[in-house]
Amino acid sequence: AELVLVVKKQFCQTMAPASFIDEE
């Protein structure tokens, strides 16, 4: 890699079908 970012997890959530505003 030419750039590496180390990320500490803080949040995880599954995208909810009912949350979509754009049905397309």
PDB file of all heavy atoms in Angstrom:
ATOM      1  N   ALA A   1       0.818  -1.216   0.000  1.00  0.00           N
ATOM      2  CA  ALA A   1       0.000   0.000   0.000  1.00  0.00           C
ATOM      3  C   ALA A   1       0.851   1.265   0.000  1.00  0.00           C
ATOM      4  O   ALA A   1       1.975   1.277   0.500  1.00  0.00           O
ATOM      5  CB  ALA A   1      -0.915   0.017   1.218  1.00  0.00           C
ATOM      6  N   GLU A   2       0.282   2.328  -0.571  1.00  0.00           N
ATOM      7  CA  GLU A   2       0.926   3.636  -0.498  1.00  0.00           C
ATOM      8  C   GLU A   2       0.323   4.463   0.637  1.00  0.00           C
ATOM      9  O   GLU A   2       0.927   5.412   1.087  1.00  0.00           O
ATOM     10  CB  GLU A   2       0.849   4.364  -1.830  1.00  0.00           C
ATOM     11  CG  GLU A   2      -0.534   4.551  -2.393  1.00  0.00           C
ATOM     12  CD  GLU A   2      -0.515   5.076  -3.820  1.00  0.00           C
ATOM     13  OE1 GLU A   2       0.565   5.172  -4.429  1.00  0.00           O
ATOM     14  OE2 GLU A   2      -1.602   5.387  -4.331  1.00  0.00           O
ATOM     15  N   LEU A   3      -0.860   4.070   1.106  1.00  0.00           N
ATOM     16  CA  LEU A   3      -1.505   4.687   2.262  1.00  0.00           C
ATOM     17  C   LEU A   3      -2.280   3.614   2.998  1.00  0.00           C
ATOM     18  O   LEU A   3      -3.009   2.834   2.375  1.00  0.00           O
ATOM     19  CB  LEU A   3      -2.459   5.812   1.828  1.00  0.00           C
ATOM     20  CG  LEU A   3      -3.312   6.445   2.929  1.00  0.00           C
ATOM     21  CD1 LEU A   3      -2.446   7.182   3.953  1.00  0.00           C
ATOM     22  CD2 LEU A   3      -4.351   7.402   2.331  1.00  0.00           C
ATOM     23  N   VAL A   4      -2.108   3.562   4.322  1.00  0.00           N
ATOM     24  CA  VAL A   4      -2.841   2.625   5.163  1.00  0.00           C
ATOM     25  C   VAL A   4      -3.488   3.411   6.299  1.00  0.00           C
ATOM     26  O   VAL A   4      -2.825   4.222   6.956  1.00  0.00           O
ATOM     27  CB  VAL A   4      -1.920   1.531   5.758  1.00  0.00           C
ATOM     28  CG1 VAL A   4      -2.681   0.671   6.772  1.00  0.00           C
ATOM     29  CG2 VAL A   4      -1.321   0.675   4.662  1.00  0.00           C
ATOM     30  N   LEU A   5      -4.764   3.158   6.523  1.00  0.00           N
ATOM     31  CA  LEU A   5      -5.479   3.749   7.644  1.00  0.00           C
ATOM     32  C   LEU A   5      -5.876   2.622   8.594  1.00  0.00           C
ATOM     33  O   LEU A   5      -6.477   1.634   8.171  1.00  0.00           O
ATOM     34  CB  LEU A   5      -6.733   4.487   7.161  1.00  0.00           C
ATOM     35  CG  LEU A   5      -6.493   5.551   6.092  1.00  0.00           C
ATOM     36  CD1 LEU A   5      -7.815   6.154   5.638  1.00  0.00           C
ATOM     37  CD2 LEU A   5      -5.540   6.621   6.588  1.00  0.00           C
ATOM     38  N   VAL A   6      -5.534   2.784   9.862  1.00  0.00           N
ATOM     39  CA  VAL A   6      -5.912   1.820  10.884  1.00  0.00           C
ATOM     40  C   VAL A   6      -7.169   2.359  11.554  1.00  0.00           C
ATOM     41  O   VAL A   6      -7.172   3.487  12.071  1.00  0.00           O
ATOM     42  CB  VAL A   6      -4.790   1.612  11.921  1.00  0.00           C
ATOM     43  CG1 VAL A   6      -5.210   0.592  12.971  1.00  0.00           C
ATOM     44  CG2 VAL A   6      -3.493   1.182  11.225  1.00  0.00           C
ATOM     45  N   VAL A   7      -8.224   1.553  11.533  1.00  0.00           N
ATOM     46  CA  VAL A   7      -9.541   2.000  11.968  1.00  0.00           C
ATOM     47  C   VAL A   7      -9.997   1.189  13.179  1.00  0.00           C
ATOM     48  O   VAL A   7     -10.047  -0.044  13.131  1.00  0.00           O
ATOM     49  CB  VAL A   7     -10.566   1.853  10.821  1.00  0.00           C
ATOM     50  CG1 VAL A   7     -11.935   2.360  11.254  1.00  0.00           C
ATOM     51  CG2 VAL A   7     -10.083   2.586   9.567  1.00  0.00           C
ATOM     52  N   LYS A   8     -10.341   1.902  14.243  1.00  0.00           N
ATOM     53  CA  LYS A   8     -10.897   1.278  15.460  1.00  0.00           C
ATOM     54  C   LYS A   8     -12.415   1.288  15.328  1.00  0.00           C
ATOM     55  O   LYS A   8     -13.041   2.338  15.217  1.00  0.00           O
ATOM     56  CB  LYS A   8     -10.477   2.063  16.700  1.00  0.00           C
ATOM     57  CG  LYS A   8     -11.051   1.508  17.982  1.00  0.00           C
ATOM     58  CD  LYS A   8     -10.651   2.376  19.162  1.00  0.00           C
ATOM     59  CE  LYS A   8     -11.294   1.862  20.431  1.00  0.00           C
ATOM     60  NZ  LYS A   8     -11.053   2.772  21.556  1.00  0.00           N
ATOM     61  N   LYS A   9     -13.013   0.102  15.337  1.00  0.00           N
ATOM     62  CA  LYS A   9     -14.465   0.007  15.182  1.00  0.00           C
ATOM     63  C   LYS A   9     -15.175   0.732  16.325  1.00  0.00           C
ATOM     64  O   LYS A   9     -14.809   0.573  17.486  1.00  0.00           O
ATOM     65  CB  LYS A   9     -14.930  -1.444  15.180  1.00  0.00           C
ATOM     66  CG  LYS A   9     -14.607  -2.212  13.953  1.00  0.00           C
ATOM     67  CD  LYS A   9     -15.256  -3.587  13.928  1.00  0.00           C
ATOM     68  CE  LYS A   9     -15.243  -4.280  15.260  1.00  0.00           C
ATOM     69  NZ  LYS A   9     -15.741  -5.643  15.259  1.00  0.00           N
ATOM     70  N   GLN A  10     -16.211   1.495  15.965  1.00  0.00           N
ATOM     71  CA  GLN A  10     -17.018   2.185  16.964  1.00  0.00           C
ATOM     72  C   GLN A  10     -18.507   1.921  16.814  1.00  0.00           C
ATOM     73  O   GLN A  10     -19.264   2.092  17.757  1.00  0.00           O
ATOM     74  CB  GLN A  10     -16.782   3.697  16.876  1.00  0.00           C
ATOM     75  CG  GLN A  10     -15.362   4.104  17.222  1.00  0.00           C
ATOM     76  CD  GLN A  10     -15.191   5.606  17.145  1.00  0.00           C
ATOM     77  OE1 GLN A  10     -15.399   6.200  16.099  1.00  0.00           O
ATOM     78  NE2 GLN A  10     -14.825   6.201  18.252  1.00  0.00           N
ATOM     79  N   PHE A  11     -18.923   1.519  15.616  1.00  0.00           N
ATOM     80  CA  PHE A  11     -20.355   1.389  15.344  1.00  0.00           C
ATOM     81  C   PHE A  11     -20.556   0.421  14.193  1.00  0.00           C
ATOM     82  O   PHE A  11     -19.770   0.407  13.242  1.00  0.00           O
ATOM     83  CB  PHE A  11     -20.919   2.773  14.960  1.00  0.00           C
ATOM     84  CG  PHE A  11     -22.384   2.789  14.630  1.00  0.00           C
ATOM     85  CD1 PHE A  11     -23.331   2.939  15.627  1.00  0.00           C
ATOM     86  CD2 PHE A  11     -22.823   2.671  13.311  1.00  0.00           C
ATOM     87  CE1 PHE A  11     -24.689   2.969  15.320  1.00  0.00           C
ATOM     88  CE2 PHE A  11     -24.171   2.701  12.995  1.00  0.00           C
ATOM     89  CZ  PHE A  11     -25.111   2.853  14.006  1.00  0.00           C
ATOM     90  N   CYS A  12     -21.597  -0.375  14.279  1.00  0.00           N
ATOM     91  CA  CYS A  12     -21.980  -1.253  13.169  1.00  0.00           C
ATOM     92  C   CYS A  12     -23.500  -1.368  13.165  1.00  0.00           C
ATOM     93  O   CYS A  12     -24.124  -1.556  14.220  1.00  0.00           O
ATOM     94  CB  CYS A  12     -21.362  -2.640  13.325  1.00  0.00           C
ATOM     95  SG  CYS A  12     -21.868  -3.787  12.002  1.00  0.00           S
ATOM     96  N   GLN A  13     -24.062  -1.238  11.974  1.00  0.00           N
ATOM     97  CA  GLN A  13     -25.503  -1.395  11.842  1.00  0.00           C
ATOM     98  C   GLN A  13     -25.828  -1.897  10.443  1.00  0.00           C
ATOM     99  O   GLN A  13     -25.257  -1.410   9.458  1.00  0.00           O
ATOM    100  CB  GLN A  13     -26.220  -0.068  12.082  1.00  0.00           C
ATOM    101  CG  GLN A  13     -27.723  -0.180  12.025  1.00  0.00           C
ATOM    102  CD  GLN A  13     -28.402   1.120  12.420  1.00  0.00           C
ATOM    103  OE1 GLN A  13     -27.909   2.197  12.131  1.00  0.00           O
ATOM    104  NE2 GLN A  13     -29.523   1.004  13.083  1.00  0.00           N
ATOM    105  N   THR A  14     -26.727  -2.848  10.362  1.00  0.00           N
ATOM    106  CA  THR A  14     -27.182  -3.337   9.069  1.00  0.00           C
ATOM    107  C   THR A  14     -28.144  -2.322   8.474  1.00  0.00           C
ATOM    108  O   THR A  14     -29.003  -1.795   9.166  1.00  0.00           O
ATOM    109  CB  THR A  14     -27.883  -4.703   9.219  1.00  0.00           C
ATOM    110  OG1 THR A  14     -26.960  -5.624   9.818  1.00  0.00           O
ATOM    111  CG2 THR A  14     -28.351  -5.244   7.877  1.00  0.00           C
ATOM    112  N   MET A  15     -27.961  -2.058   7.191  1.00  0.00           N
ATOM    113  CA  MET A  15     -28.879  -1.149   6.508  1.00  0.00           C
ATOM    114  C   MET A  15     -30.275  -1.765   6.536  1.00  0.00           C
ATOM    115  O   MET A  15     -30.459  -2.912   6.130  1.00  0.00           O
ATOM    116  CB  MET A  15     -28.436  -0.927   5.070  1.00  0.00           C
ATOM    117  CG  MET A  15     -27.144  -0.181   4.951  1.00  0.00           C
ATOM    118  SD  MET A  15     -26.751   0.012   3.198  1.00  0.00           S
ATOM    119  CE  MET A  15     -25.527   1.271   3.308  1.00  0.00           C
ATOM    120  N   ALA A  16     -31.224  -1.009   7.026  1.00  0.00           N
ATOM    121  CA  ALA A  16     -32.594  -1.502   7.156  1.00  0.00           C
ATOM    122  C   ALA A  16     -33.392  -1.181   5.894  1.00  0.00           C
ATOM    123  O   ALA A  16     -33.386  -0.033   5.438  1.00  0.00           O
ATOM    124  CB  ALA A  16     -33.263  -0.871   8.368  1.00  0.00           C
ATOM    125  N   PRO A  17     -34.082  -2.159   5.331  1.00  0.00           N
ATOM    126  CA  PRO A  17     -34.879  -1.908   4.119  1.00  0.00           C
ATOM    127  C   PRO A  17     -35.858  -0.743   4.297  1.00  0.00           C
ATOM    128  O   PRO A  17     -36.042   0.058   3.389  1.00  0.00           O
ATOM    129  CB  PRO A  17     -35.623  -3.221   3.895  1.00  0.00           C
ATOM    130  CG  PRO A  17     -34.820  -4.252   4.607  1.00  0.00           C
ATOM    131  CD  PRO A  17     -34.161  -3.556   5.764  1.00  0.00           C
ATOM    132  N   ALA A  18     -36.454  -0.634   5.467  1.00  0.00           N
ATOM    133  CA  ALA A  18     -37.437   0.420   5.710  1.00  0.00           C
ATOM    134  C   ALA A  18     -36.806   1.809   5.776  1.00  0.00           C
ATOM    135  O   ALA A  18     -37.514   2.814   5.667  1.00  0.00           O
ATOM    136  CB  ALA A  18     -38.181   0.132   7.014  1.00  0.00           C
ATOM    137  N   SER A  19     -35.485   1.885   5.920  1.00  0.00           N
ATOM    138  CA  SER A  19     -34.806   3.178   6.028  1.00  0.00           C
ATOM    139  C   SER A  19     -34.499   3.807   4.676  1.00  0.00           C
ATOM    140  O   SER A  19     -34.109   4.975   4.612  1.00  0.00           O
ATOM    141  CB  SER A  19     -33.512   3.029   6.830  1.00  0.00           C
ATOM    142  OG  SER A  19     -33.817   2.661   8.158  1.00  0.00           O
ATOM    143  N   PHE A  20     -34.649   3.055   3.609  1.00  0.00           N
ATOM    144  CA  PHE A  20     -34.359   3.603   2.282  1.00  0.00           C
ATOM    145  C   PHE A  20     -35.401   4.634   1.894  1.00  0.00           C
ATOM    146  O   PHE A  20     -36.601   4.372   1.934  1.00  0.00           O
ATOM    147  CB  PHE A  20     -34.315   2.491   1.227  1.00  0.00           C
ATOM    148  CG  PHE A  20     -33.010   1.776   1.170  1.00  0.00           C
ATOM    149  CD1 PHE A  20     -32.727   0.742   2.045  1.00  0.00           C
ATOM    150  CD2 PHE A  20     -32.051   2.141   0.243  1.00  0.00           C
ATOM    151  CE1 PHE A  20     -31.516   0.075   2.007  1.00  0.00           C
ATOM    152  CE2 PHE A  20     -30.823   1.485   0.195  1.00  0.00           C
ATOM    153  CZ  PHE A  20     -30.564   0.448   1.078  1.00  0.00           C
ATOM    154  N   ILE A  21     -34.948   5.787   1.523  1.00  0.00           N
ATOM    155  CA  ILE A  21     -35.815   6.833   0.992  1.00  0.00           C
ATOM    156  C   ILE A  21     -35.897   6.677  -0.527  1.00  0.00           C
ATOM    157  O   ILE A  21     -36.946   6.858  -1.125  1.00  0.00           O
ATOM    158  CB  ILE A  21     -35.277   8.223   1.394  1.00  0.00           C
ATOM    159  CG1 ILE A  21     -35.325   8.350   2.922  1.00  0.00           C
ATOM    160  CG2 ILE A  21     -36.038   9.345   0.709  1.00  0.00           C
ATOM    161  CD1 ILE A  21     -34.526   9.488   3.485  1.00  0.00           C
ATOM    162  N   ASP A  22     -34.774   6.312  -1.138  1.00  0.00           N
ATOM    163  CA  ASP A  22     -34.688   6.118  -2.580  1.00  0.00           C
ATOM    164  C   ASP A  22     -34.938   4.644  -2.887  1.00  0.00           C
ATOM    165  O   ASP A  22     -34.032   3.808  -2.802  1.00  0.00           O
ATOM    166  CB  ASP A  22     -33.303   6.558  -3.075  1.00  0.00           C
ATOM    167  CG  ASP A  22     -33.142   6.461  -4.577  1.00  0.00           C
ATOM    168  OD1 ASP A  22     -34.004   5.850  -5.252  1.00  0.00           O
ATOM    169  OD2 ASP A  22     -32.135   6.987  -5.079  1.00  0.00           O
ATOM    170  N   GLU A  23     -36.161   4.331  -3.248  1.00  0.00           N
ATOM    171  CA  GLU A  23     -36.530   2.942  -3.540  1.00  0.00           C
ATOM    172  C   GLU A  23     -35.778   2.392  -4.749  1.00  0.00           C
ATOM    173  O   GLU A  23     -35.507   1.199  -4.823  1.00  0.00           O
ATOM    174  CB  GLU A  23     -38.046   2.823  -3.758  1.00  0.00           C
ATOM    175  CG  GLU A  23     -38.850   2.933  -2.472  1.00  0.00           C
ATOM    176  CD  GLU A  23     -38.601   1.765  -1.521  1.00  0.00           C
ATOM    177  OE1 GLU A  23     -38.501   0.611  -1.967  1.00  0.00           O
ATOM    178  OE2 GLU A  23     -38.504   2.023  -0.306  1.00  0.00           O
ATOM    179  N   GLU A  24     -35.427   3.266  -5.699  1.00  0.00           N
ATOM    180  CA  GLU A  24     -34.691   2.818  -6.876  1.00  0.00           C
ATOM    181  C   GLU A  24     -33.299   2.306  -6.489  1.00  0.00           C
ATOM    182  O   GLU A  24     -32.828   1.315  -7.040  1.00  0.00           O
ATOM    183  CB  GLU A  24     -34.599   3.931  -7.917  1.00  0.00           C
ATOM    184  CG  GLU A  24     -35.932   4.259  -8.573  1.00  0.00           C
ATOM    185  CD  GLU A  24     -36.588   3.044  -9.224  1.00  0.00           C
ATOM    186  OE1 GLU A  24     -35.899   2.307  -9.959  1.00  0.00           O
ATOM    187  OE2 GLU A  24     -37.796   2.824  -8.988  1.00  0.00           O
TER     188      GLU A  24
END
